[in-house]
Protein backbone atom coordinates (compact mmCIF):
# COMPACT_ATOMS: atom_id res chain seq x y z
CA MET A 1 45.09 170.60 65.27
CA ASN A 2 48.34 168.10 66.26
CA TYR A 3 47.93 164.68 67.66
CA ALA A 4 47.73 165.56 71.21
CA ASP A 5 44.77 167.78 70.69
CA GLN A 6 42.87 165.13 68.74
CA ARG A 7 43.77 162.48 71.80
CA GLY A 8 41.92 164.43 74.31
CA PRO A 9 41.62 162.57 77.67
CA MET A 10 43.28 159.59 76.44
CA HIS A 11 46.24 158.04 78.60
CA GLU A 12 49.51 158.17 77.14
CA PRO A 13 51.32 155.13 76.14
CA GLN A 14 53.69 153.81 78.58
CA GLN A 15 57.26 152.34 77.82
CA GLN A 16 60.15 151.04 79.18
CA SER A 17 63.11 153.00 79.85
CA GLU A 18 66.26 152.60 78.16
CA ALA A 19 68.46 151.69 80.98
CA GLU A 20 66.13 148.63 81.13
CA ASP A 21 65.88 148.87 84.97
CA GLY A 22 62.26 148.20 85.00
CA ARG A 23 61.00 151.85 85.74
CA VAL A 24 58.11 152.96 83.64
CA CYS A 25 57.99 156.53 81.73
CA GLY A 26 55.90 158.21 79.42
CA PRO A 27 56.68 158.82 75.50
CA GLN A 28 59.27 161.24 74.32
CA LEU A 29 57.90 164.58 73.70
CA GLY A 30 58.72 167.30 71.53
CA SER A 31 60.15 170.29 72.60
CA ALA A 32 56.97 172.22 71.23
CA SER A 33 54.24 169.98 72.86
CA ALA A 34 56.55 169.44 76.03
CA PRO A 35 55.14 172.88 77.68
CA GLN A 36 51.68 172.10 76.91
CA ARG A 37 51.50 168.40 78.27
CA SER A 38 53.77 168.76 81.07
CA ALA A 39 51.18 169.35 83.85
CA PRO A 40 48.55 166.88 83.00
CA TRP A 41 51.27 163.93 82.14
CA GLY A 42 52.50 164.86 85.52
CA GLU A 43 49.52 164.72 87.32
CA ARG A 44 48.68 161.09 85.55
CA LEU A 45 52.05 159.86 86.10
CA ALA A 46 52.67 160.50 89.96
CA PRO A 47 50.05 158.17 91.52
CA ALA A 48 51.20 155.14 89.35
CA LEU A 49 54.80 155.75 90.57
CA ARG A 50 53.61 156.11 94.19
CA LEU A 51 51.63 153.00 93.99
CA ASP A 52 54.13 151.06 92.52
CA ALA A 53 56.94 152.35 94.87
CA ARG A 54 54.70 151.54 98.03
CA ILE A 55 54.26 148.03 96.65
CA THR A 56 58.17 147.33 96.07
CA THR A 57 58.62 148.89 99.74
CA PHE A 58 56.11 146.62 101.14
CA ALA A 59 57.40 143.81 99.38
CA LEU A 60 60.88 144.49 100.42
CA LEU A 61 60.04 144.94 104.10
CA ALA A 62 58.15 141.39 103.94
CA CYS A 63 61.47 139.89 102.33
CA LEU A 64 63.68 141.57 105.02
CA PHE A 65 61.53 140.38 107.69
CA VAL A 66 61.56 136.93 106.50
CA VAL A 67 65.48 136.98 106.34
CA PHE A 68 66.06 138.59 110.15
CA SER A 69 63.67 136.26 111.31
CA SER A 70 65.20 133.03 110.03
CA PRO A 71 68.08 131.42 111.79
CA ILE A 72 70.09 131.30 108.32
CA SER A 73 72.19 133.77 106.76
CA SER A 74 70.52 136.86 104.61
CA LEU A 75 72.33 136.01 101.44
CA ALA A 76 70.79 133.11 99.28
CA GLY A 77 73.74 132.21 98.29
CA ASP A 78 75.33 131.53 101.85
CA ARG A 79 74.38 127.77 102.21
CA ALA A 80 74.88 126.10 105.51
CA THR A 81 75.22 122.26 104.70
CA ALA A 82 76.69 119.56 106.75
CA PRO A 83 80.07 119.14 106.39
CA PRO A 84 80.68 116.12 103.69
CA PRO A 85 82.93 113.52 104.77
CA GLY A 86 86.57 114.04 103.69
CA PRO A 87 88.77 111.70 101.69
CA SER A 88 90.13 110.40 105.11
CA ASP A 89 86.96 110.11 106.76
CA PRO A 90 85.87 106.19 107.26
CA ILE A 91 82.68 105.03 105.63
CA TYR A 92 81.00 102.36 107.82
CA SER A 93 78.17 99.61 106.89
CA LEU A 94 75.79 98.32 108.83
CA GLU A 95 77.47 95.21 109.81
CA ALA A 96 80.91 97.02 110.83
CA VAL A 97 78.69 99.46 113.10
CA LEU A 98 76.75 96.59 114.63
CA ASN A 99 80.03 94.79 115.37
CA PHE A 100 81.43 97.92 116.87
CA ALA A 101 78.45 97.85 119.20
CA LEU A 102 78.41 94.49 120.24
CA THR A 103 82.13 94.46 121.04
CA ARG A 104 82.32 98.08 122.64
CA ASN A 105 78.81 98.97 124.28
CA PRO A 106 78.91 98.85 128.20
CA THR A 107 75.52 97.17 128.20
CA VAL A 108 76.91 94.40 126.65
CA ALA A 109 79.65 94.12 129.37
CA SER A 110 77.13 94.46 132.16
CA ALA A 111 74.94 91.58 131.16
CA GLU A 112 78.38 89.67 130.72
CA GLY A 113 79.05 90.71 134.24
CA THR A 114 75.86 89.29 135.38
CA ILE A 115 76.97 86.07 133.79
CA ASP A 116 79.97 86.09 135.94
CA GLN A 117 78.31 86.65 138.90
CA ASN A 118 75.84 83.98 138.52
CA ARG A 119 78.62 81.52 137.60
CA GLY A 120 80.36 82.66 140.97
CA GLN A 121 77.04 81.66 142.60
CA GLN A 122 77.02 78.05 140.72
CA VAL A 123 80.66 77.27 142.04
CA ALA A 124 79.67 78.27 145.45
CA ALA A 125 76.82 75.98 145.40
CA TYR A 126 78.62 73.06 144.53
CA THR A 127 81.32 73.90 147.24
CA TYR A 128 81.21 71.73 150.32
CA LEU A 129 81.18 73.13 153.60
CA ASN A 130 84.42 73.88 155.34
CA PRO A 131 85.44 72.09 158.57
CA SER A 132 86.18 73.55 162.01
CA VAL A 133 89.23 73.14 164.14
CA SER A 134 89.52 73.86 167.55
CA ALA A 135 92.87 73.40 169.81
CA ASN A 136 93.25 74.48 173.44
CA SER A 137 96.36 74.43 175.68
CA GLY A 138 97.71 75.53 178.84
CA VAL A 139 99.50 74.97 182.26
CA GLY A 140 97.67 72.14 184.65
CA ARG A 141 98.69 72.21 188.72
CA MET A 142 98.30 68.81 190.41
CA ARG A 143 95.95 69.62 193.45
CA ASP A 144 95.38 66.10 195.29
CA LEU A 145 97.94 63.53 194.82
CA GLY A 146 100.98 65.71 194.16
CA LEU A 147 101.06 67.16 197.42
CA PHE A 148 101.75 63.85 199.02
CA ASP A 149 103.73 62.06 196.71
CA PRO A 150 107.07 63.80 195.56
CA ALA A 151 107.48 61.44 192.25
CA VAL A 152 104.37 63.59 190.81
CA ARG A 153 104.87 66.55 189.01
CA GLU A 154 102.94 69.35 190.16
CA ARG A 155 102.77 71.31 186.87
CA VAL A 156 101.89 69.72 183.54
CA THR A 157 101.04 71.46 180.30
CA GLU A 158 97.48 70.39 179.05
CA PHE A 159 95.92 70.34 175.65
CA ASN A 160 92.97 69.27 173.51
CA LEU A 161 92.14 69.19 169.83
CA SER A 162 88.87 69.18 168.36
CA VAL A 163 87.90 68.75 164.66
CA GLY A 164 84.20 68.96 163.25
CA GLN A 165 82.82 68.80 159.72
CA PRO A 166 79.51 70.25 158.88
CA ILE A 167 77.12 68.10 156.66
CA GLU A 168 74.60 69.55 154.54
CA TRP A 169 71.17 67.98 154.14
CA PRO A 170 71.33 66.60 150.42
CA SER A 171 67.89 67.81 149.59
CA LYS A 172 68.63 71.28 150.49
CA ARG A 173 71.91 71.11 148.58
CA ALA A 174 70.66 69.74 145.30
CA ALA A 175 67.83 72.69 145.27
CA ARG A 176 70.52 74.94 145.79
CA GLN A 177 72.50 73.47 142.91
CA ARG A 178 69.46 73.50 140.84
CA ALA A 179 68.81 77.13 141.50
CA SER A 180 72.42 78.33 140.64
CA GLU A 181 72.07 76.54 137.03
CA ALA A 182 68.88 78.03 136.22
CA GLY A 183 70.47 81.48 137.34
CA VAL A 184 73.30 80.85 134.68
CA ALA A 185 70.79 79.88 132.01
CA ALA A 186 68.68 83.14 132.88
CA ALA A 187 71.91 85.32 132.93
CA SER A 188 73.02 83.80 129.54
CA ALA A 189 69.42 84.47 127.97
CA GLY A 190 69.75 88.13 129.57
CA LEU A 191 72.89 88.58 127.43
CA ALA A 192 71.18 87.43 124.40
CA GLU A 193 68.26 89.83 125.20
CA THR A 194 70.68 92.81 125.71
CA GLN A 195 72.61 91.99 122.41
CA LEU A 196 68.93 91.88 120.63
CA ASN A 197 67.92 95.21 122.08
CA LEU A 198 70.86 96.65 121.02
CA VAL A 199 70.92 95.44 117.39
CA ALA A 200 67.68 96.72 117.09
CA ASP A 201 68.51 100.11 118.43
CA VAL A 202 71.70 100.26 116.46
CA LYS A 203 69.83 99.30 113.19
CA VAL A 204 66.85 102.21 113.91
CA ALA A 205 69.60 104.78 114.48
CA PHE A 206 71.42 103.54 111.29
CA TYR A 207 68.12 103.79 109.53
CA ASP A 208 67.35 107.37 110.89
CA LEU A 209 70.74 108.55 109.63
CA LEU A 210 70.44 107.18 106.05
CA LEU A 211 67.09 109.01 106.34
CA ALA A 212 68.71 112.34 107.29
CA GLN A 213 71.36 111.68 104.85
CA ARG A 214 68.56 111.24 102.32
CA ALA A 215 66.73 114.25 103.21
CA LEU A 216 69.73 116.50 103.31
CA ILE A 217 70.33 115.33 99.92
CA LEU A 218 66.84 116.05 98.66
CA ALA A 219 67.39 119.66 100.45
CA GLN A 220 70.25 120.42 98.27
CA GLN A 221 68.52 119.43 95.21
CA ASN A 222 65.57 121.62 95.88
CA LEU A 223 68.09 124.85 96.89
CA ALA A 224 69.70 124.48 93.31
CA THR A 225 66.37 123.72 91.58
CA VAL A 226 65.15 127.00 93.80
CA GLU A 227 67.96 129.20 92.94
CA ASP A 228 67.74 128.15 89.05
CA VAL A 229 64.08 129.40 88.82
CA ASP A 230 65.20 132.37 90.91
CA LYS A 231 67.93 133.27 88.40
CA ALA A 232 65.14 132.80 85.39
CA VAL A 233 62.83 135.08 87.51
CA ARG A 234 65.46 137.71 87.82
CA THR A 235 66.34 137.59 84.15
CA ARG A 236 62.41 138.02 83.16
CA VAL A 237 62.13 140.86 85.45
CA ARG A 238 65.31 142.67 84.13
CA LEU A 239 63.89 142.20 80.76
CA GLY A 240 60.33 143.37 82.04
CA GLU A 241 58.51 140.38 80.88
CA SER A 242 57.56 139.75 85.06
CA PRO A 243 56.75 142.20 87.75
CA GLN A 244 59.12 143.16 90.28
CA PHE A 245 57.20 141.10 93.31
CA GLU A 246 58.10 137.92 91.33
CA ALA A 247 62.00 138.42 91.74
CA ILE A 248 61.25 139.10 95.62
CA ARG A 249 58.94 135.87 95.82
CA SER A 250 61.62 133.64 94.43
CA GLY A 251 64.17 135.49 96.77
CA VAL A 252 62.17 134.36 99.52
CA GLU A 253 61.72 130.96 98.16
CA VAL A 254 65.56 130.56 98.26
CA LEU A 255 65.92 131.67 101.50
CA LYS A 256 63.23 129.02 102.73
CA ALA A 257 65.12 126.43 100.94
CA ASN A 258 68.17 127.60 102.47
CA GLN A 259 66.72 127.06 105.90
CA SER A 260 65.46 123.63 105.06
CA LEU A 261 68.72 123.22 104.01
CA THR A 262 70.06 124.01 107.39
CA ARG A 263 67.46 121.83 109.46
CA ALA A 264 68.72 118.88 107.56
CA ALA A 265 72.15 119.30 108.34
CA ASN A 266 71.65 119.91 111.92
CA ARG A 267 69.62 116.74 111.80
CA VAL A 268 72.34 114.79 110.09
CA ARG A 269 74.94 115.90 113.10
CA VAL A 270 72.52 115.04 115.81
CA ASN A 271 71.72 111.57 114.32
CA ARG A 272 75.77 110.80 113.82
CA VAL A 273 75.91 111.46 117.51
CA MET A 274 73.37 109.39 118.40
CA LEU A 275 74.87 106.38 116.30
CA ASP A 276 78.14 106.76 117.71
CA THR A 277 76.87 107.07 121.30
CA LEU A 278 75.59 103.46 120.75
CA THR A 279 79.18 102.30 119.81
CA ALA A 280 80.64 103.92 122.70
CA GLY A 281 82.22 106.45 120.53
CA SER A 282 84.01 104.09 117.94
CA LEU A 283 83.07 105.81 114.79
CA GLY A 284 84.35 109.26 115.71
CA PRO A 285 83.03 112.60 115.20
CA THR A 286 83.38 112.59 111.46
CA TYR A 287 82.34 109.51 109.25
CA ALA A 288 80.08 108.50 106.72
CA ILE A 289 77.71 105.22 106.26
CA ASP A 290 76.96 103.32 103.67
CA GLY A 291 73.64 101.41 103.56
CA GLN A 292 70.41 101.33 101.83
CA LEU A 293 66.70 101.34 103.55
CA HIS A 294 64.30 98.50 102.89
CA ARG A 295 61.78 98.34 100.30
CA VAL A 296 60.08 94.61 100.77
CA GLY A 297 58.03 93.77 103.50
CA PRO A 298 58.54 90.28 105.67
CA GLY A 299 58.83 86.91 103.86
CA PHE A 300 56.85 85.01 106.47
CA GLY A 301 53.60 84.69 107.89
CA ILE A 302 52.37 86.16 111.21
CA ASP A 303 51.73 82.67 112.59
CA ILE A 304 55.27 81.43 111.80
CA LEU A 305 56.85 84.40 113.44
CA THR A 306 54.47 84.33 116.64
CA GLU A 307 55.43 80.96 117.71
CA ARG A 308 58.99 81.78 116.98
CA ALA A 309 58.83 84.45 119.10
CA LEU A 310 57.11 82.23 122.00
CA THR A 311 59.55 79.73 121.88
CA GLN A 312 62.99 81.27 120.83
CA HIS A 313 62.70 84.94 122.10
CA PRO A 314 65.70 85.35 124.77
CA THR A 315 63.09 87.35 126.89
CA ILE A 316 60.81 84.28 127.25
CA VAL A 317 63.84 82.06 127.94
CA ARG A 318 65.13 84.28 130.46
CA LEU A 319 61.90 84.64 132.25
CA ARG A 320 61.40 80.79 132.14
CA LYS A 321 64.81 80.50 133.57
CA SER A 322 63.91 82.99 136.24
CA VAL A 323 60.92 81.09 137.13
CA GLU A 324 62.39 77.99 137.41
CA GLN A 325 65.33 79.60 139.38
CA ALA A 326 62.62 81.05 141.94
CA ASP A 327 60.93 77.36 142.06
CA HIS A 328 64.23 75.86 143.11
CA SER A 329 64.81 78.56 145.41
CA LEU A 330 61.50 77.97 147.04
CA GLU A 331 62.49 74.26 147.50
CA PHE A 332 65.66 75.08 149.22
CA GLU A 333 63.86 77.32 151.66
CA ARG A 334 61.64 74.31 152.52
CA GLN A 335 64.56 71.97 152.90
CA ALA A 336 66.41 74.46 155.22
CA ARG A 337 64.19 73.52 157.99
CA VAL A 338 66.20 70.67 158.23
CA PRO A 339 69.27 71.79 159.97
CA ASN A 340 72.94 70.97 159.07
CA ILE A 341 74.52 68.40 161.28
CA THR A 342 78.19 68.32 162.50
CA ILE A 343 80.18 65.34 162.95
CA GLY A 344 83.24 65.83 165.02
CA GLY A 345 86.12 64.04 166.97
CA SER A 346 88.57 65.38 169.84
CA TYR A 347 91.86 64.45 171.33
CA TRP A 348 92.48 65.12 175.14
CA ARG A 349 95.57 65.09 177.42
CA GLU A 350 95.08 66.06 180.66
CA ILE A 351 97.02 65.44 183.77
CA GLY A 352 96.75 61.95 184.55
CA ARG A 353 94.13 61.45 181.60
CA GLU A 354 94.24 60.64 177.54
CA ALA A 355 91.25 60.51 175.80
CA PHE A 356 89.72 60.30 172.22
CA THR A 357 86.21 61.28 171.89
CA GLY A 358 83.64 61.69 168.80
CA GLY A 359 80.40 63.41 168.61
CA LEU A 360 77.27 64.88 166.39
CA THR A 361 76.22 68.15 166.65
CA PHE A 362 72.93 69.67 165.31
CA PRO A 363 70.77 72.87 165.88
CA THR A 364 67.32 72.08 166.91
CA PRO A 365 64.54 74.26 164.97
CA VAL A 366 62.20 75.50 167.71
CA TRP A 367 61.96 78.78 167.25
CA ASP A 368 62.96 79.68 163.57
CA ARG A 369 61.56 77.35 161.35
CA ARG A 370 62.30 79.64 158.26
CA GLN A 371 58.53 80.78 157.75
CA GLY A 372 59.83 84.35 156.32
CA GLU A 373 62.06 82.96 154.12
CA ILE A 374 59.53 80.47 152.63
CA ILE A 375 56.82 83.27 152.09
CA SER A 376 59.63 85.58 150.65
CA ALA A 377 60.69 82.75 148.11
CA PHE A 378 57.16 82.04 147.12
CA GLY A 379 56.07 85.44 146.52
CA SER A 380 59.24 85.84 144.16
CA LYS A 381 58.17 82.83 142.14
CA ARG A 382 54.74 84.17 141.81
CA LYS A 383 56.30 87.57 140.59
CA GLY A 384 58.24 85.78 138.07
CA GLU A 385 55.47 83.82 136.61
CA ALA A 386 53.44 87.17 136.25
CA GLU A 387 56.17 88.63 134.44
CA PHE A 388 56.63 85.73 132.38
CA LEU A 389 53.04 85.91 131.16
CA ARG A 390 53.07 89.74 130.67
CA ALA A 391 56.08 89.44 128.53
CA ARG A 392 54.42 86.58 126.82
CA ASN A 393 51.29 88.70 125.77
CA GLU A 394 53.44 91.83 124.93
CA LEU A 395 55.43 89.85 122.34
CA ILE A 396 52.44 88.71 120.52
CA ARG A 397 51.21 92.39 120.53
CA ASN A 398 54.40 93.54 119.14
CA VAL A 399 54.62 90.80 116.67
CA SER A 400 51.43 91.16 115.33
CA GLN A 401 51.59 95.49 115.33
CA HIS A 402 55.30 95.52 113.90
CA PHE A 403 54.03 92.90 111.03
CA GLN A 404 50.99 94.97 110.07
CA ASP A 405 53.00 98.06 110.12
CA ALA A 406 55.71 96.59 107.63
CA LYS A 407 53.21 95.15 105.42
CA THR A 408 51.11 98.40 105.31
CA THR A 409 54.44 100.25 104.61
CA ALA A 410 55.32 97.95 101.86
CA ASP A 411 52.03 98.12 100.01
CA MET A 412 52.60 102.30 100.19
CA ILE A 413 56.20 102.08 99.03
CA GLU A 414 55.08 99.97 95.85
CA VAL A 415 52.11 102.60 95.20
CA TYR A 416 55.20 105.21 95.33
CA GLU A 417 57.44 103.21 93.13
CA LYS A 418 54.42 102.44 90.25
CA GLY A 419 52.84 105.89 89.78
CA LEU A 420 53.90 108.85 92.19
CA LEU A 421 57.42 109.21 91.58
CA LYS A 422 57.19 109.37 88.13
CA GLN A 423 54.13 111.59 88.02
CA ALA A 424 55.85 113.94 90.26
CA ASP A 425 58.83 114.19 88.36
CA GLU A 426 57.04 114.46 84.98
CA ALA A 427 54.68 117.33 86.65
CA LEU A 428 58.01 119.49 87.53
CA ARG A 429 59.54 119.01 84.30
CA ILE A 430 56.39 120.22 82.29
CA ALA A 431 56.20 123.39 84.57
CA LYS A 432 59.77 124.00 84.39
CA PHE A 433 59.36 123.94 80.46
CA SER A 434 56.27 125.95 80.42
CA PHE A 435 57.66 128.54 82.70
CA GLN A 436 60.93 128.69 80.35
CA GLN A 437 58.61 129.19 77.17
CA GLY A 438 56.62 131.78 79.32
CA ALA A 439 53.24 129.72 79.32
CA SER A 440 53.09 129.37 83.19
CA SER A 441 53.68 131.24 86.29
CA LEU A 442 55.97 131.08 89.03
CA ILE A 443 53.59 129.96 91.59
CA GLU A 444 52.99 127.17 89.28
CA VAL A 445 56.45 126.20 89.08
CA LEU A 446 57.17 126.30 92.71
CA ASP A 447 53.99 124.49 93.58
CA ALA A 448 55.01 121.59 91.36
CA GLN A 449 58.76 121.66 92.57
CA ARG A 450 57.12 121.48 96.24
CA VAL A 451 54.94 118.82 95.45
CA GLN A 452 57.63 116.81 93.83
CA ARG A 453 59.81 117.55 96.92
CA GLN A 454 57.42 116.45 99.40
CA ILE A 455 56.73 112.93 97.49
CA LEU A 456 60.20 111.95 97.56
CA LEU A 457 60.70 113.14 101.24
CA ASP A 458 57.21 110.71 101.94
CA TYR A 459 58.86 108.01 99.95
CA ALA A 460 61.92 108.02 101.94
CA GLN A 461 60.00 108.15 105.02
CA ALA A 462 58.00 105.29 103.89
CA GLN A 463 61.43 103.43 103.48
CA PHE A 464 62.35 104.30 106.83
CA ASP A 465 59.32 103.34 108.41
CA LEU A 466 59.52 100.13 106.68
CA SER A 467 63.14 99.47 107.84
CA MET A 468 62.27 100.79 111.34
CA SER A 469 59.39 98.25 111.62
CA LEU A 470 61.38 95.49 110.44
CA ALA A 471 63.93 96.09 113.07
CA LEU A 472 61.31 96.01 115.46
CA LEU A 473 59.75 92.78 114.11
CA GLU A 474 63.27 91.32 114.47
CA ARG A 475 63.35 92.54 118.10
CA ALA A 476 60.04 91.20 119.08
CA VAL A 477 60.54 87.93 116.86
CA GLY A 478 63.92 87.33 118.76
CA GLY A 479 66.41 87.37 115.96
CA ALA A 480 67.01 88.24 112.14
CA LEU A 481 63.93 87.41 109.89
């Protein structure tokens, strides 16, 4: 009795094909025993092959679905990265970008134009009223004595000349001058406020671009790591140490990493355009920035920062001067009830008469006593006072909010730097080493890599949040910390 008859219903041992292509086949049977075992072996081998074919087919379909549903290329090696700055592309620091923004942004020019308008009103407030000159001339005819006395001319040229100088009420003039001075001061504070807001916007956009560049670098590193794992997995599958499904899964991870890289590159492009817009196109379409995100919180207490904001903030100064201007405008309208007087003199030369005259002219405030203008000026003053109180309370709230945000984020960054970053790197290193030694699976490596990348992204996001909170805190305080 041969060996095949002794085994009875036991399954034949499986072995890998000599081509090492992952196929499974039965043992090499001799020519004598092949006819006897051909039918039972075929019956047992066909279901296993069909099951393995179904699994492979479904996995390939799932892979193709992910490939064609994603916006990236279907090739794992076809990366879509942001165009790196060339050797001729300029590199700007934060100070250079701020200089471009403060000198070329149109909002600054608009604020400077407002100052010029108020200075013009100030010049007009100090200008005296213009005098008036009236002259009349004509031919006069003698109607009485000239008819009986031939020595008298019947036709003579007559003329008169009048000069008048309006004089403004001194209290009204002084109120208009003080209102114009307050307007210039408010416009100057408005320019400082515009520059402060622009600096904060530029810093936030600059830090946002730094975060996008950091995320792009992490995405590139993640893709390189996933591709290394994919190569190792495919090698193990080719050697028969891992199933075919792990190769498909690693290929899908490569495609996902490519997709993340594409999103990071697009974000870099968008943030470049946003920062370039704040500088009125001074940076150009392709450039790079050089800077660091903040890692340390504010060094002053909240009480000092709040007091500084309430006394030196450009918004407080502007609104305080606006209230002062409205108060002087109200006083001007009250003093305007006293009319201007006009002192004048005239010279008359007529037939048989020559005269010098002088006079005083003033309108009588009988019907119009400027009640409407006084009510309107009083309403403007109340509106300015309410706006001042609203801005004051908002500054107190913003200083407290951004100070607490910066302090909390700084504590979070300290936690990352003291433990989480090192732990994530060590976990990924151990997982990759174990996978290379065959002690861990692909899923464990991908999970460790995903956790490490997420911690790095969260750390970069925390630095960005701290930088943005400090920039907004500077805006709330009214200047650099």
